[in-house]
Amino acid sequence: MQADQDIRALDPDGDLAAVNAFYDEAQDYWLLADRRPPDLQKARDFFTDGPPGCDPARSHGIGLFVEGRLSGLAELSFGYPLPEDAYLGLMILAPRIRGTGHGAAFNAAVEALARAAGSPRIYLAVLQENPRGRAFWERQGFAPTGISRADDETGHVIHRLVKAL
């Protein structure tokens, strides 16, 4: 972990305002992913969203703080696509820290949580329209699974990637 960063679990009561402000700062991602800017409900959903069939009580909402400011979010769930698997449903960095090495450190912390839970693999999905994001994940050791789907609501093609832990 870099010296100027802290990674910790986020709390829906104490951290909702910070998540909402972060979403506003990183709205470029939401404009790409959802094709609309995030709102307060999107920030609330961070604490409850997860893949199908996952137990929200086993999920982790994680924050990356750089120089004391929320600068990244990750949501890690367990039980998808198979019961033993981990699924990284979201990882976003603030534009001001992208390309600085914080993403790799944040990902390493997320993977450590998945390993500690005994997951043999971690999955994620990447938007076809986000080649920079896909390149990041491939540098982190993720590989295509061959599973893709079209999202009727946004028009995105979404590709599933996996990494053995």
N, C-alpha and C. Protein backbone atom coordinates (compact mmCIF):
# COMPACT_ATOMS: atom_id res chain seq x y z
N MET A 1 0.85 -1.18 0.00
CA MET A 1 0.00 0.00 0.00
C MET A 1 0.89 1.24 0.00
N GLN A 2 0.47 2.23 -0.76
CA GLN A 2 1.24 3.47 -0.84
C GLN A 2 1.10 4.24 0.48
N ALA A 3 2.11 5.01 0.81
CA ALA A 3 2.16 5.69 2.10
C ALA A 3 1.04 6.69 2.30
N ASP A 4 0.57 7.33 1.24
CA ASP A 4 -0.43 8.37 1.38
C ASP A 4 -1.86 7.85 1.21
N GLN A 5 -2.05 6.52 1.33
CA GLN A 5 -3.40 5.97 1.14
C GLN A 5 -3.81 5.08 2.30
N ASP A 6 -5.12 4.97 2.47
CA ASP A 6 -5.72 4.12 3.48
C ASP A 6 -6.89 3.41 2.81
N ILE A 7 -7.05 2.14 3.09
CA ILE A 7 -8.15 1.36 2.53
C ILE A 7 -8.94 0.80 3.71
N ARG A 8 -10.26 1.05 3.67
CA ARG A 8 -11.09 0.58 4.78
C ARG A 8 -12.52 0.32 4.31
N ALA A 9 -13.24 -0.45 5.15
CA ALA A 9 -14.65 -0.71 4.89
C ALA A 9 -15.43 0.59 5.03
N LEU A 10 -16.47 0.71 4.20
CA LEU A 10 -17.33 1.89 4.25
C LEU A 10 -18.64 1.55 4.95
N ASP A 11 -19.20 2.53 5.62
CA ASP A 11 -20.42 2.38 6.39
C ASP A 11 -21.53 3.23 5.77
N PRO A 12 -22.72 2.64 5.54
CA PRO A 12 -23.78 3.41 4.88
C PRO A 12 -24.22 4.65 5.66
N ASP A 13 -24.12 4.61 6.97
CA ASP A 13 -24.53 5.77 7.76
C ASP A 13 -23.45 6.84 7.78
N GLY A 14 -22.23 6.45 8.06
CA GLY A 14 -21.15 7.42 8.21
C GLY A 14 -20.50 7.87 6.91
N ASP A 15 -20.64 7.07 5.84
CA ASP A 15 -19.89 7.37 4.61
C ASP A 15 -20.76 7.71 3.41
N LEU A 16 -22.08 7.75 3.56
CA LEU A 16 -22.95 8.02 2.42
C LEU A 16 -22.63 9.36 1.76
N ALA A 17 -22.43 10.40 2.54
CA ALA A 17 -22.14 11.72 1.95
C ALA A 17 -20.83 11.69 1.17
N ALA A 18 -19.83 10.99 1.68
CA ALA A 18 -18.54 10.91 0.98
C ALA A 18 -18.68 10.11 -0.31
N VAL A 19 -19.47 9.03 -0.29
CA VAL A 19 -19.70 8.24 -1.51
C VAL A 19 -20.43 9.10 -2.55
N ASN A 20 -21.42 9.85 -2.11
CA ASN A 20 -22.17 10.70 -3.03
C ASN A 20 -21.24 11.76 -3.65
N ALA A 21 -20.40 12.38 -2.85
CA ALA A 21 -19.46 13.38 -3.37
C ALA A 21 -18.45 12.73 -4.32
N PHE A 22 -18.01 11.52 -3.98
CA PHE A 22 -17.09 10.80 -4.86
C PHE A 22 -17.74 10.51 -6.20
N TYR A 23 -18.99 10.04 -6.18
CA TYR A 23 -19.69 9.76 -7.43
C TYR A 23 -19.79 11.01 -8.30
N ASP A 24 -20.00 12.14 -7.67
CA ASP A 24 -20.04 13.39 -8.44
C ASP A 24 -18.69 13.66 -9.08
N GLU A 25 -17.61 13.44 -8.32
CA GLU A 25 -16.26 13.66 -8.85
C GLU A 25 -15.93 12.69 -9.99
N ALA A 26 -16.39 11.45 -9.85
CA ALA A 26 -16.07 10.40 -10.84
C ALA A 26 -17.26 10.15 -11.77
N GLN A 27 -18.05 11.18 -12.04
CA GLN A 27 -19.24 10.96 -12.85
C GLN A 27 -18.92 10.60 -14.29
N ASP A 28 -17.67 10.80 -14.74
CA ASP A 28 -17.33 10.37 -16.09
C ASP A 28 -17.58 8.87 -16.27
N TYR A 29 -17.31 8.09 -15.21
CA TYR A 29 -17.58 6.65 -15.30
C TYR A 29 -19.07 6.38 -15.43
N TRP A 30 -19.88 7.06 -14.62
CA TRP A 30 -21.33 6.82 -14.65
C TRP A 30 -21.95 7.30 -15.95
N LEU A 31 -21.42 8.38 -16.51
CA LEU A 31 -21.92 8.83 -17.80
C LEU A 31 -21.64 7.79 -18.88
N LEU A 32 -20.51 7.10 -18.75
CA LEU A 32 -20.21 6.02 -19.68
C LEU A 32 -21.08 4.79 -19.37
N ALA A 33 -21.08 4.35 -18.12
CA ALA A 33 -21.75 3.10 -17.74
C ALA A 33 -23.27 3.19 -17.81
N ASP A 34 -23.84 4.22 -17.20
CA ASP A 34 -25.30 4.35 -17.11
C ASP A 34 -25.88 5.31 -18.14
N ARG A 35 -25.00 6.06 -18.77
CA ARG A 35 -25.40 7.08 -19.75
C ARG A 35 -26.20 8.22 -19.10
N ARG A 36 -25.98 8.41 -17.80
CA ARG A 36 -26.57 9.53 -17.07
C ARG A 36 -25.73 9.77 -15.80
N PRO A 37 -25.78 10.99 -15.27
CA PRO A 37 -24.98 11.27 -14.07
C PRO A 37 -25.55 10.54 -12.85
N PRO A 38 -24.69 10.26 -11.88
CA PRO A 38 -25.16 9.60 -10.67
C PRO A 38 -25.95 10.58 -9.79
N ASP A 39 -26.79 10.01 -8.93
CA ASP A 39 -27.54 10.82 -7.97
C ASP A 39 -27.39 10.18 -6.59
N LEU A 40 -28.07 10.76 -5.61
CA LEU A 40 -27.96 10.26 -4.23
C LEU A 40 -28.42 8.80 -4.14
N GLN A 41 -29.44 8.42 -4.90
CA GLN A 41 -29.89 7.02 -4.86
C GLN A 41 -28.79 6.08 -5.34
N LYS A 42 -28.03 6.49 -6.33
CA LYS A 42 -26.91 5.67 -6.82
C LYS A 42 -25.90 5.46 -5.69
N ALA A 43 -25.64 6.50 -4.92
CA ALA A 43 -24.72 6.38 -3.77
C ALA A 43 -25.30 5.43 -2.72
N ARG A 44 -26.59 5.52 -2.46
CA ARG A 44 -27.22 4.59 -1.50
C ARG A 44 -27.11 3.15 -2.00
N ASP A 45 -27.31 2.98 -3.32
CA ASP A 45 -27.28 1.64 -3.91
C ASP A 45 -25.90 0.99 -3.78
N PHE A 46 -24.85 1.78 -3.68
CA PHE A 46 -23.50 1.22 -3.50
C PHE A 46 -23.48 0.26 -2.30
N PHE A 47 -24.22 0.57 -1.27
CA PHE A 47 -24.18 -0.21 -0.04
C PHE A 47 -25.08 -1.44 -0.07
N THR A 48 -25.89 -1.59 -1.11
CA THR A 48 -26.83 -2.72 -1.17
C THR A 48 -26.76 -3.53 -2.47
N ASP A 49 -26.19 -2.96 -3.53
CA ASP A 49 -26.13 -3.68 -4.81
C ASP A 49 -25.16 -4.85 -4.74
N GLY A 50 -25.44 -5.83 -5.56
CA GLY A 50 -24.55 -6.98 -5.69
C GLY A 50 -25.06 -7.90 -6.77
N PRO A 51 -24.26 -8.88 -7.16
CA PRO A 51 -24.69 -9.80 -8.19
C PRO A 51 -25.82 -10.71 -7.71
N PRO A 52 -26.52 -11.34 -8.64
CA PRO A 52 -27.66 -12.19 -8.28
C PRO A 52 -27.25 -13.33 -7.35
N GLY A 53 -28.07 -13.56 -6.35
CA GLY A 53 -27.88 -14.68 -5.45
C GLY A 53 -26.83 -14.50 -4.37
N CYS A 54 -26.18 -13.34 -4.32
CA CYS A 54 -25.16 -13.11 -3.30
C CYS A 54 -25.80 -12.59 -2.01
N ASP A 55 -25.23 -13.00 -0.90
CA ASP A 55 -25.68 -12.55 0.41
C ASP A 55 -25.06 -11.18 0.70
N PRO A 56 -25.88 -10.12 0.78
CA PRO A 56 -25.32 -8.78 1.05
C PRO A 56 -24.52 -8.72 2.35
N ALA A 57 -24.82 -9.60 3.30
CA ALA A 57 -24.08 -9.61 4.57
C ALA A 57 -22.63 -10.05 4.37
N ARG A 58 -22.34 -10.75 3.27
CA ARG A 58 -20.97 -11.20 2.99
C ARG A 58 -20.25 -10.26 2.04
N SER A 59 -20.91 -9.19 1.61
CA SER A 59 -20.30 -8.26 0.66
C SER A 59 -19.49 -7.19 1.40
N HIS A 60 -18.54 -6.63 0.66
CA HIS A 60 -17.69 -5.57 1.21
C HIS A 60 -17.80 -4.32 0.35
N GLY A 61 -18.13 -3.21 0.96
CA GLY A 61 -18.03 -1.90 0.33
C GLY A 61 -16.76 -1.27 0.87
N ILE A 62 -15.81 -1.03 -0.01
CA ILE A 62 -14.47 -0.64 0.41
C ILE A 62 -14.12 0.73 -0.16
N GLY A 63 -13.49 1.54 0.65
CA GLY A 63 -13.06 2.85 0.20
C GLY A 63 -11.55 2.98 0.19
N LEU A 64 -11.06 3.66 -0.83
CA LEU A 64 -9.65 4.02 -0.93
C LEU A 64 -9.56 5.51 -0.62
N PHE A 65 -8.82 5.85 0.41
CA PHE A 65 -8.63 7.25 0.80
C PHE A 65 -7.20 7.65 0.49
N VAL A 66 -7.06 8.71 -0.27
CA VAL A 66 -5.74 9.25 -0.60
C VAL A 66 -5.67 10.64 0.02
N GLU A 67 -4.67 10.83 0.86
CA GLU A 67 -4.51 12.08 1.60
C GLU A 67 -5.79 12.45 2.33
N GLY A 68 -6.44 11.43 2.92
CA GLY A 68 -7.64 11.63 3.73
C GLY A 68 -8.94 11.81 2.96
N ARG A 69 -8.90 11.79 1.65
CA ARG A 69 -10.08 12.04 0.82
C ARG A 69 -10.50 10.76 0.10
N LEU A 70 -11.81 10.44 0.11
CA LEU A 70 -12.31 9.26 -0.59
C LEU A 70 -11.95 9.42 -2.07
N SER A 71 -11.19 8.46 -2.58
CA SER A 71 -10.64 8.55 -3.92
C SER A 71 -10.89 7.31 -4.77
N GLY A 72 -11.50 6.30 -4.17
CA GLY A 72 -11.82 5.08 -4.90
C GLY A 72 -12.85 4.26 -4.14
N LEU A 73 -13.64 3.52 -4.90
CA LEU A 73 -14.66 2.63 -4.31
C LEU A 73 -14.54 1.26 -4.94
N ALA A 74 -14.80 0.24 -4.14
CA ALA A 74 -14.88 -1.12 -4.65
C ALA A 74 -16.01 -1.84 -3.92
N GLU A 75 -16.67 -2.72 -4.65
CA GLU A 75 -17.71 -3.57 -4.07
C GLU A 75 -17.34 -5.00 -4.39
N LEU A 76 -17.11 -5.81 -3.35
CA LEU A 76 -16.72 -7.20 -3.49
C LEU A 76 -17.79 -8.09 -2.87
N SER A 77 -18.30 -9.02 -3.67
CA SER A 77 -19.33 -9.95 -3.21
C SER A 77 -18.81 -11.38 -3.35
N PHE A 78 -19.52 -12.29 -2.72
CA PHE A 78 -19.14 -13.71 -2.76
C PHE A 78 -20.35 -14.54 -3.16
N GLY A 79 -20.10 -15.59 -3.97
CA GLY A 79 -21.16 -16.51 -4.35
C GLY A 79 -21.63 -16.36 -5.78
N TYR A 80 -20.86 -15.66 -6.62
CA TYR A 80 -21.26 -15.49 -8.01
C TYR A 80 -20.03 -15.53 -8.89
N PRO A 81 -20.03 -16.23 -10.00
CA PRO A 81 -21.14 -17.02 -10.53
C PRO A 81 -21.34 -18.37 -9.84
N LEU A 82 -20.31 -18.88 -9.16
CA LEU A 82 -20.46 -20.12 -8.40
C LEU A 82 -20.36 -19.80 -6.91
N PRO A 83 -20.88 -20.66 -6.06
CA PRO A 83 -20.91 -20.36 -4.61
C PRO A 83 -19.55 -20.01 -4.01
N GLU A 84 -18.47 -20.58 -4.52
CA GLU A 84 -17.15 -20.33 -3.93
C GLU A 84 -16.45 -19.10 -4.51
N ASP A 85 -17.01 -18.50 -5.54
CA ASP A 85 -16.33 -17.41 -6.25
C ASP A 85 -16.53 -16.05 -5.60
N ALA A 86 -15.57 -15.16 -5.88
CA ALA A 86 -15.67 -13.75 -5.52
C ALA A 86 -16.01 -12.97 -6.78
N TYR A 87 -16.72 -11.86 -6.61
CA TYR A 87 -17.10 -11.03 -7.76
C TYR A 87 -16.88 -9.57 -7.40
N LEU A 88 -16.03 -8.93 -8.18
CA LEU A 88 -15.76 -7.50 -8.01
C LEU A 88 -16.77 -6.75 -8.87
N GLY A 89 -17.84 -6.31 -8.24
CA GLY A 89 -18.93 -5.68 -8.97
C GLY A 89 -18.65 -4.25 -9.38
N LEU A 90 -17.70 -3.62 -8.72
CA LEU A 90 -17.40 -2.22 -9.01
C LEU A 90 -16.03 -1.88 -8.45
N MET A 91 -15.26 -1.17 -9.22
CA MET A 91 -14.06 -0.51 -8.72
C MET A 91 -13.87 0.73 -9.58
N ILE A 92 -13.94 1.88 -8.94
CA ILE A 92 -13.80 3.17 -9.62
C ILE A 92 -12.76 3.98 -8.86
N LEU A 93 -11.93 4.69 -9.62
CA LEU A 93 -10.99 5.64 -9.04
C LEU A 93 -11.36 7.05 -9.48
N ALA A 94 -11.09 8.01 -8.62
CA ALA A 94 -11.28 9.41 -8.98
C ALA A 94 -10.34 9.77 -10.11
N PRO A 95 -10.79 10.59 -11.05
CA PRO A 95 -9.91 10.99 -12.16
C PRO A 95 -8.56 11.53 -11.71
N ARG A 96 -8.52 12.22 -10.57
CA ARG A 96 -7.28 12.86 -10.11
C ARG A 96 -6.20 11.87 -9.70
N ILE A 97 -6.55 10.59 -9.47
CA ILE A 97 -5.52 9.62 -9.07
C ILE A 97 -5.32 8.50 -10.08
N ARG A 98 -6.09 8.51 -11.17
CA ARG A 98 -5.91 7.46 -12.17
C ARG A 98 -4.51 7.56 -12.76
N GLY A 99 -3.91 6.39 -12.98
CA GLY A 99 -2.57 6.35 -13.57
C GLY A 99 -1.45 6.62 -12.60
N THR A 100 -1.74 6.62 -11.30
CA THR A 100 -0.72 6.93 -10.29
C THR A 100 -0.26 5.70 -9.50
N GLY A 101 -0.80 4.52 -9.81
CA GLY A 101 -0.44 3.31 -9.08
C GLY A 101 -1.39 2.95 -7.96
N HIS A 102 -2.29 3.86 -7.62
CA HIS A 102 -3.24 3.57 -6.54
C HIS A 102 -4.21 2.45 -6.92
N GLY A 103 -4.56 2.36 -8.19
CA GLY A 103 -5.50 1.33 -8.64
C GLY A 103 -4.96 -0.07 -8.42
N ALA A 104 -3.69 -0.29 -8.75
CA ALA A 104 -3.08 -1.61 -8.55
C ALA A 104 -3.03 -1.96 -7.07
N ALA A 105 -2.71 -0.98 -6.23
CA ALA A 105 -2.66 -1.22 -4.79
C ALA A 105 -4.05 -1.51 -4.23
N PHE A 106 -5.05 -0.78 -4.72
CA PHE A 106 -6.43 -0.99 -4.29
C PHE A 106 -6.88 -2.39 -4.71
N ASN A 107 -6.60 -2.76 -5.94
CA ASN A 107 -6.97 -4.08 -6.42
C ASN A 107 -6.30 -5.17 -5.59
N ALA A 108 -5.05 -4.99 -5.24
CA ALA A 108 -4.34 -5.98 -4.42
C ALA A 108 -5.04 -6.17 -3.07
N ALA A 109 -5.52 -5.09 -2.49
CA ALA A 109 -6.24 -5.19 -1.21
C ALA A 109 -7.56 -5.93 -1.39
N VAL A 110 -8.25 -5.68 -2.47
CA VAL A 110 -9.51 -6.37 -2.75
C VAL A 110 -9.25 -7.86 -2.95
N GLU A 111 -8.23 -8.18 -3.73
CA GLU A 111 -7.89 -9.59 -3.95
C GLU A 111 -7.50 -10.28 -2.65
N ALA A 112 -6.84 -9.57 -1.75
CA ALA A 112 -6.47 -10.15 -0.45
C ALA A 112 -7.72 -10.52 0.34
N LEU A 113 -8.75 -9.68 0.27
CA LEU A 113 -10.03 -10.01 0.94
C LEU A 113 -10.64 -11.28 0.34
N ALA A 114 -10.60 -11.39 -0.98
CA ALA A 114 -11.17 -12.56 -1.64
C ALA A 114 -10.38 -13.83 -1.27
N ARG A 115 -9.06 -13.71 -1.22
CA ARG A 115 -8.24 -14.87 -0.83
C ARG A 115 -8.53 -15.26 0.62
N ALA A 116 -8.65 -14.27 1.50
CA ALA A 116 -8.91 -14.54 2.92
C ALA A 116 -10.25 -15.26 3.10
N ALA A 117 -11.20 -15.01 2.20
CA ALA A 117 -12.51 -15.68 2.26
C ALA A 117 -12.46 -17.07 1.65
N GLY A 118 -11.32 -17.44 1.06
CA GLY A 118 -11.16 -18.77 0.49
C GLY A 118 -11.64 -18.90 -0.95
N SER A 119 -11.88 -17.80 -1.62
CA SER A 119 -12.34 -17.86 -3.01
C SER A 119 -11.19 -18.28 -3.92
N PRO A 120 -11.44 -19.24 -4.82
CA PRO A 120 -10.38 -19.66 -5.74
C PRO A 120 -10.22 -18.75 -6.95
N ARG A 121 -11.26 -17.95 -7.21
CA ARG A 121 -11.27 -17.07 -8.38
C ARG A 121 -11.99 -15.78 -8.04
N ILE A 122 -11.63 -14.74 -8.79
CA ILE A 122 -12.36 -13.48 -8.70
C ILE A 122 -12.77 -13.08 -10.12
N TYR A 123 -14.02 -12.72 -10.26
CA TYR A 123 -14.59 -12.31 -11.54
C TYR A 123 -14.91 -10.83 -11.51
N LEU A 124 -15.02 -10.25 -12.69
CA LEU A 124 -15.52 -8.89 -12.85
C LEU A 124 -16.05 -8.75 -14.27
N ALA A 125 -16.73 -7.65 -14.53
CA ALA A 125 -17.23 -7.35 -15.87
C ALA A 125 -16.66 -6.02 -16.30
N VAL A 126 -16.37 -5.92 -17.59
CA VAL A 126 -15.83 -4.68 -18.13
C VAL A 126 -16.62 -4.31 -19.38
N LEU A 127 -16.88 -3.03 -19.51
CA LEU A 127 -17.61 -2.53 -20.66
C LEU A 127 -16.72 -2.51 -21.90
N GLN A 128 -17.26 -2.96 -23.01
CA GLN A 128 -16.51 -2.92 -24.26
C GLN A 128 -16.07 -1.49 -24.58
N GLU A 129 -16.88 -0.51 -24.18
CA GLU A 129 -16.57 0.90 -24.44
C GLU A 129 -15.51 1.47 -23.50
N ASN A 130 -14.94 0.63 -22.65
CA ASN A 130 -13.95 1.09 -21.69
C ASN A 130 -12.63 0.34 -21.92
N PRO A 131 -11.95 0.58 -23.06
CA PRO A 131 -10.72 -0.16 -23.33
C PRO A 131 -9.60 0.15 -22.33
N ARG A 132 -9.59 1.35 -21.78
CA ARG A 132 -8.58 1.68 -20.77
C ARG A 132 -8.79 0.83 -19.51
N GLY A 133 -10.05 0.68 -19.12
CA GLY A 133 -10.37 -0.17 -17.97
C GLY A 133 -9.99 -1.61 -18.22
N ARG A 134 -10.32 -2.12 -19.40
CA ARG A 134 -9.98 -3.51 -19.73
C ARG A 134 -8.47 -3.70 -19.71
N ALA A 135 -7.72 -2.76 -20.26
CA ALA A 135 -6.26 -2.86 -20.25
C ALA A 135 -5.73 -2.91 -18.81
N PHE A 136 -6.31 -2.09 -17.92
CA PHE A 136 -5.91 -2.13 -16.51
C PHE A 136 -6.12 -3.52 -15.93
N TRP A 137 -7.31 -4.08 -16.15
CA TRP A 137 -7.62 -5.39 -15.57
C TRP A 137 -6.72 -6.47 -16.14
N GLU A 138 -6.43 -6.40 -17.41
CA GLU A 138 -5.53 -7.40 -17.99
C GLU A 138 -4.12 -7.27 -17.42
N ARG A 139 -3.67 -6.05 -17.14
CA ARG A 139 -2.36 -5.87 -16.48
C ARG A 139 -2.37 -6.46 -15.07
N GLN A 140 -3.55 -6.52 -14.45
CA GLN A 140 -3.67 -7.07 -13.10
C GLN A 140 -3.79 -8.60 -13.12
N GLY A 141 -3.79 -9.20 -14.32
CA GLY A 141 -3.82 -10.66 -14.42
C GLY A 141 -5.17 -11.25 -14.76
N PHE A 142 -6.16 -10.41 -15.03
CA PHE A 142 -7.49 -10.92 -15.42
C PHE A 142 -7.48 -11.32 -16.88
N ALA A 143 -8.26 -12.35 -17.21
CA ALA A 143 -8.34 -12.84 -18.59
C ALA A 143 -9.81 -13.02 -18.98
N PRO A 144 -10.09 -12.93 -20.26
CA PRO A 144 -11.47 -13.12 -20.73
C PRO A 144 -11.97 -14.54 -20.43
N THR A 145 -13.24 -14.64 -20.08
CA THR A 145 -13.86 -15.94 -19.87
C THR A 145 -14.55 -16.45 -21.13
N GLY A 146 -14.74 -15.55 -22.09
CA GLY A 146 -15.50 -15.90 -23.28
C GLY A 146 -16.99 -15.62 -23.12
N ILE A 147 -17.37 -15.14 -21.95
CA ILE A 147 -18.77 -14.81 -21.69
C ILE A 147 -18.97 -13.31 -21.85
N SER A 148 -19.89 -12.94 -22.69
CA SER A 148 -20.24 -11.54 -22.91
C SER A 148 -21.75 -11.45 -22.99
N ARG A 149 -22.26 -10.26 -22.75
CA ARG A 149 -23.71 -10.06 -22.89
C ARG A 149 -23.97 -8.62 -23.32
N ALA A 150 -25.10 -8.44 -23.95
CA ALA A 150 -25.56 -7.09 -24.31
C ALA A 150 -26.54 -6.62 -23.26
N ASP A 151 -26.38 -5.38 -22.82
CA ASP A 151 -27.30 -4.77 -21.86
C ASP A 151 -28.32 -3.94 -22.65
N ASP A 152 -29.55 -4.39 -22.62
CA ASP A 152 -30.61 -3.72 -23.40
C ASP A 152 -30.86 -2.29 -22.93
N GLU A 153 -30.68 -2.03 -21.63
CA GLU A 153 -30.98 -0.70 -21.09
C GLU A 153 -29.96 0.35 -21.54
N THR A 154 -28.67 -0.02 -21.54
CA THR A 154 -27.62 0.96 -21.87
C THR A 154 -27.05 0.77 -23.27
N GLY A 155 -27.28 -0.39 -23.86
CA GLY A 155 -26.70 -0.68 -25.16
C GLY A 155 -25.26 -1.18 -25.08
N HIS A 156 -24.74 -1.37 -23.89
CA HIS A 156 -23.36 -1.83 -23.72
C HIS A 156 -23.22 -3.31 -24.03
N VAL A 157 -22.03 -3.67 -24.51
CA VAL A 157 -21.59 -5.05 -24.52
C VAL A 157 -20.65 -5.18 -23.32
N ILE A 158 -20.92 -6.18 -22.50
CA ILE A 158 -20.19 -6.36 -21.25
C ILE A 158 -19.47 -7.70 -21.31
N HIS A 159 -18.17 -7.68 -21.00
CA HIS A 159 -17.35 -8.88 -21.06
C HIS A 159 -16.94 -9.30 -19.64
N ARG A 160 -17.07 -10.59 -19.34
CA ARG A 160 -16.66 -11.11 -18.03
C ARG A 160 -15.20 -11.53 -18.10
N LEU A 161 -14.44 -11.11 -17.08
CA LEU A 161 -13.04 -11.49 -16.92
C LEU A 161 -12.88 -12.27 -15.62
N VAL A 162 -11.81 -13.06 -15.53
CA VAL A 162 -11.56 -13.87 -14.33
C VAL A 162 -10.07 -13.89 -14.02
N LYS A 163 -9.77 -14.07 -12.76
CA LYS A 163 -8.39 -14.25 -12.31
C LYS A 163 -8.38 -15.33 -11.25
N ALA A 164 -7.51 -16.30 -11.43
CA ALA A 164 -7.33 -17.34 -10.40
C ALA A 164 -6.59 -16.73 -9.22
N LEU A 165 -7.07 -17.06 -8.03
CA LEU A 165 -6.41 -16.58 -6.82
C LEU A 165 -5.61 -17.72 -6.23
